[in-house]
C-alpha atoms as a PDB file:
ATOM      1  CA  UNK A   1     -35.880   7.334 -39.284  1.00  0.00           C
ATOM      2  CA  UNK A   2     -39.766   7.533 -41.098  1.00  0.00           C
ATOM      3  CA  UNK A   3     -42.768   7.862 -38.908  1.00  0.00           C
ATOM      4  CA  UNK A   4     -44.367   4.558 -37.926  1.00  0.00           C
ATOM      5  CA  UNK A   5     -41.175   2.390 -39.574  1.00  0.00           C
ATOM      6  CA  UNK A   6     -39.470   0.574 -36.388  1.00  0.00           C
ATOM      7  CA  UNK A   7     -35.737  -0.251 -36.462  1.00  0.00           C
ATOM      8  CA  UNK A   8     -34.690  -3.589 -36.410  1.00  0.00           C
ATOM      9  CA  UNK A   9     -31.112  -3.963 -34.747  1.00  0.00           C
ATOM     10  CA  UNK A  10     -29.010  -6.912 -34.776  1.00  0.00           C
ATOM     11  CA  UNK A  11     -25.457  -7.444 -33.406  1.00  0.00           C
ATOM     12  CA  UNK A  12     -22.341 -10.374 -32.798  1.00  0.00           C
ATOM     13  CA  UNK A  13     -19.364 -10.073 -30.060  1.00  0.00           C
ATOM     14  CA  UNK A  14     -16.314 -12.227 -30.289  1.00  0.00           C
ATOM     15  CA  UNK A  15     -13.927 -12.042 -27.361  1.00  0.00           C
ATOM     16  CA  UNK A  16     -10.809 -13.722 -26.066  1.00  0.00           C
ATOM     17  CA  UNK A  17      -9.874 -13.929 -22.621  1.00  0.00           C
ATOM     18  CA  UNK A  18      -6.329 -14.723 -20.952  1.00  0.00           C
ATOM     19  CA  UNK A  19      -5.801 -14.989 -17.424  1.00  0.00           C
ATOM     20  CA  UNK A  20      -2.462 -15.694 -15.197  1.00  0.00           C
ATOM     21  CA  UNK A  21      -2.109 -18.574 -13.785  1.00  0.00           C
ATOM     22  CA  UNK A  22      -0.356 -16.657 -10.449  1.00  0.00           C
ATOM     23  CA  UNK A  23      -0.613 -13.314 -11.126  1.00  0.00           C
ATOM     24  CA  UNK A  24      -4.507 -12.186 -11.051  1.00  0.00           C
ATOM     25  CA  UNK A  25      -4.148 -10.255 -14.379  1.00  0.00           C
ATOM     26  CA  UNK A  26      -6.732 -10.691 -16.625  1.00  0.00           C
ATOM     27  CA  UNK A  27      -6.402  -9.310 -20.777  1.00  0.00           C
ATOM     28  CA  UNK A  28      -9.429  -9.353 -22.764  1.00  0.00           C
ATOM     29  CA  UNK A  29      -9.731  -8.449 -26.688  1.00  0.00           C
ATOM     30  CA  UNK A  30     -13.151  -8.141 -27.848  1.00  0.00           C
ATOM     31  CA  UNK A  31     -14.459  -7.618 -31.500  1.00  0.00           C
ATOM     32  CA  UNK A  32     -17.969  -6.558 -32.015  1.00  0.00           C
ATOM     33  CA  UNK A  33     -20.119  -5.799 -34.824  1.00  0.00           C
ATOM     34  CA  UNK A  34     -23.814  -4.317 -34.977  1.00  0.00           C
ATOM     35  CA  UNK A  35     -26.097  -3.189 -37.725  1.00  0.00           C
ATOM     36  CA  UNK A  36     -29.318  -1.544 -37.975  1.00  0.00           C
ATOM     37  CA  UNK A  37     -31.791  -1.420 -40.914  1.00  0.00           C
ATOM     38  CA  UNK A  38     -32.031   2.404 -40.702  1.00  0.00           C
ATOM     39  CA  UNK A  39     -29.386   4.655 -39.918  1.00  0.00           C
ATOM     40  CA  UNK A  40     -28.517   4.743 -36.274  1.00  0.00           C
ATOM     41  CA  UNK A  41     -25.245   4.016 -35.064  1.00  0.00           C
ATOM     42  CA  UNK A  42     -22.594   7.725 -35.293  1.00  0.00           C
ATOM     43  CA  UNK A  43     -20.025   7.867 -38.398  1.00  0.00           C
ATOM     44  CA  UNK A  44     -16.997   9.539 -37.901  1.00  0.00           C
ATOM     45  CA  UNK A  45     -18.374  12.493 -38.646  1.00  0.00           C
ATOM     46  CA  UNK A  46     -20.028  12.300 -35.259  1.00  0.00           C
ATOM     47  CA  UNK A  47     -23.497  13.773 -34.309  1.00  0.00           C
ATOM     48  CA  UNK A  48     -22.451  17.178 -32.486  1.00  0.00           C
ATOM     49  CA  UNK A  49     -22.477  19.935 -34.674  1.00  0.00           C
ATOM     50  CA  UNK A  50     -19.297  21.934 -34.954  1.00  0.00           C
ATOM     51  CA  UNK A  51     -18.910  24.623 -32.177  1.00  0.00           C
ATOM     52  CA  UNK A  52     -20.918  21.980 -30.003  1.00  0.00           C
ATOM     53  CA  UNK A  53     -24.936  22.039 -28.841  1.00  0.00           C
ATOM     54  CA  UNK A  54     -24.821  25.737 -28.025  1.00  0.00           C
ATOM     55  CA  UNK A  55     -28.614  25.973 -28.973  1.00  0.00           C
ATOM     56  CA  UNK A  56     -31.872  24.630 -27.144  1.00  0.00           C
ATOM     57  CA  UNK A  57     -32.139  21.039 -27.097  1.00  0.00           C
ATOM     58  CA  UNK A  58     -33.629  19.708 -30.420  1.00  0.00           C
ATOM     59  CA  UNK A  59     -32.846  23.086 -32.027  1.00  0.00           C
ATOM     60  CA  UNK A  60     -31.692  22.633 -36.130  1.00  0.00           C
ATOM     61  CA  UNK A  61     -28.284  23.999 -37.362  1.00  0.00           C
ATOM     62  CA  UNK A  62     -28.119  25.136 -40.761  1.00  0.00           C
ATOM     63  CA  UNK A  63     -26.212  23.074 -43.020  1.00  0.00           C
ATOM     64  CA  UNK A  64     -25.187  20.187 -40.397  1.00  0.00           C
ATOM     65  CA  UNK A  65     -26.490  16.760 -40.104  1.00  0.00           C
ATOM     66  CA  UNK A  66     -25.409  14.382 -37.955  1.00  0.00           C
ATOM     67  CA  UNK A  67     -22.646  11.514 -39.395  1.00  0.00           C
ATOM     68  CA  UNK A  68     -25.165   8.087 -39.130  1.00  0.00           C
ATOM     69  CA  UNK A  69     -24.178   4.555 -40.466  1.00  0.00           C
ATOM     70  CA  UNK A  70     -25.845   1.456 -40.829  1.00  0.00           C
ATOM     71  CA  UNK A  71     -23.224  -0.399 -39.003  1.00  0.00           C
ATOM     72  CA  UNK A  72     -20.705  -0.511 -36.739  1.00  0.00           C
ATOM     73  CA  UNK A  73     -17.786  -2.469 -35.775  1.00  0.00           C
ATOM     74  CA  UNK A  74     -15.411  -1.823 -32.789  1.00  0.00           C
ATOM     75  CA  UNK A  75     -12.501  -3.506 -31.304  1.00  0.00           C
ATOM     76  CA  UNK A  76     -11.853  -3.041 -27.388  1.00  0.00           C
ATOM     77  CA  UNK A  77      -9.092  -3.894 -25.272  1.00  0.00           C
ATOM     78  CA  UNK A  78      -9.143  -4.592 -21.321  1.00  0.00           C
ATOM     79  CA  UNK A  79      -6.733  -5.334 -18.859  1.00  0.00           C
ATOM     80  CA  UNK A  80      -8.101  -6.366 -15.327  1.00  0.00           C
ATOM     81  CA  UNK A  81      -5.374  -6.824 -11.945  1.00  0.00           C
ATOM     82  CA  UNK A  82      -6.717  -7.622  -8.781  1.00  0.00           C
ATOM     83  CA  UNK A  83      -4.615  -6.333  -5.987  1.00  0.00           C
END
């Protein structure tokens, strides 16, 4: 990110929840979309260099840069069971 440039982030969440009537089970599905005006979210290439973080914090790894994206889409599912 360029110096003196603030990041602008926005996003939305859509959720669907279904609870059981007799048994205490809840299913939840969620879709999340987030955006930024600068590369902010981790892409498929990740943000950890090959071989892991083996140097000092903030050290430069020759020939490698983090895979950052301006948007992210995420789908999550959850199951809650009350005993």
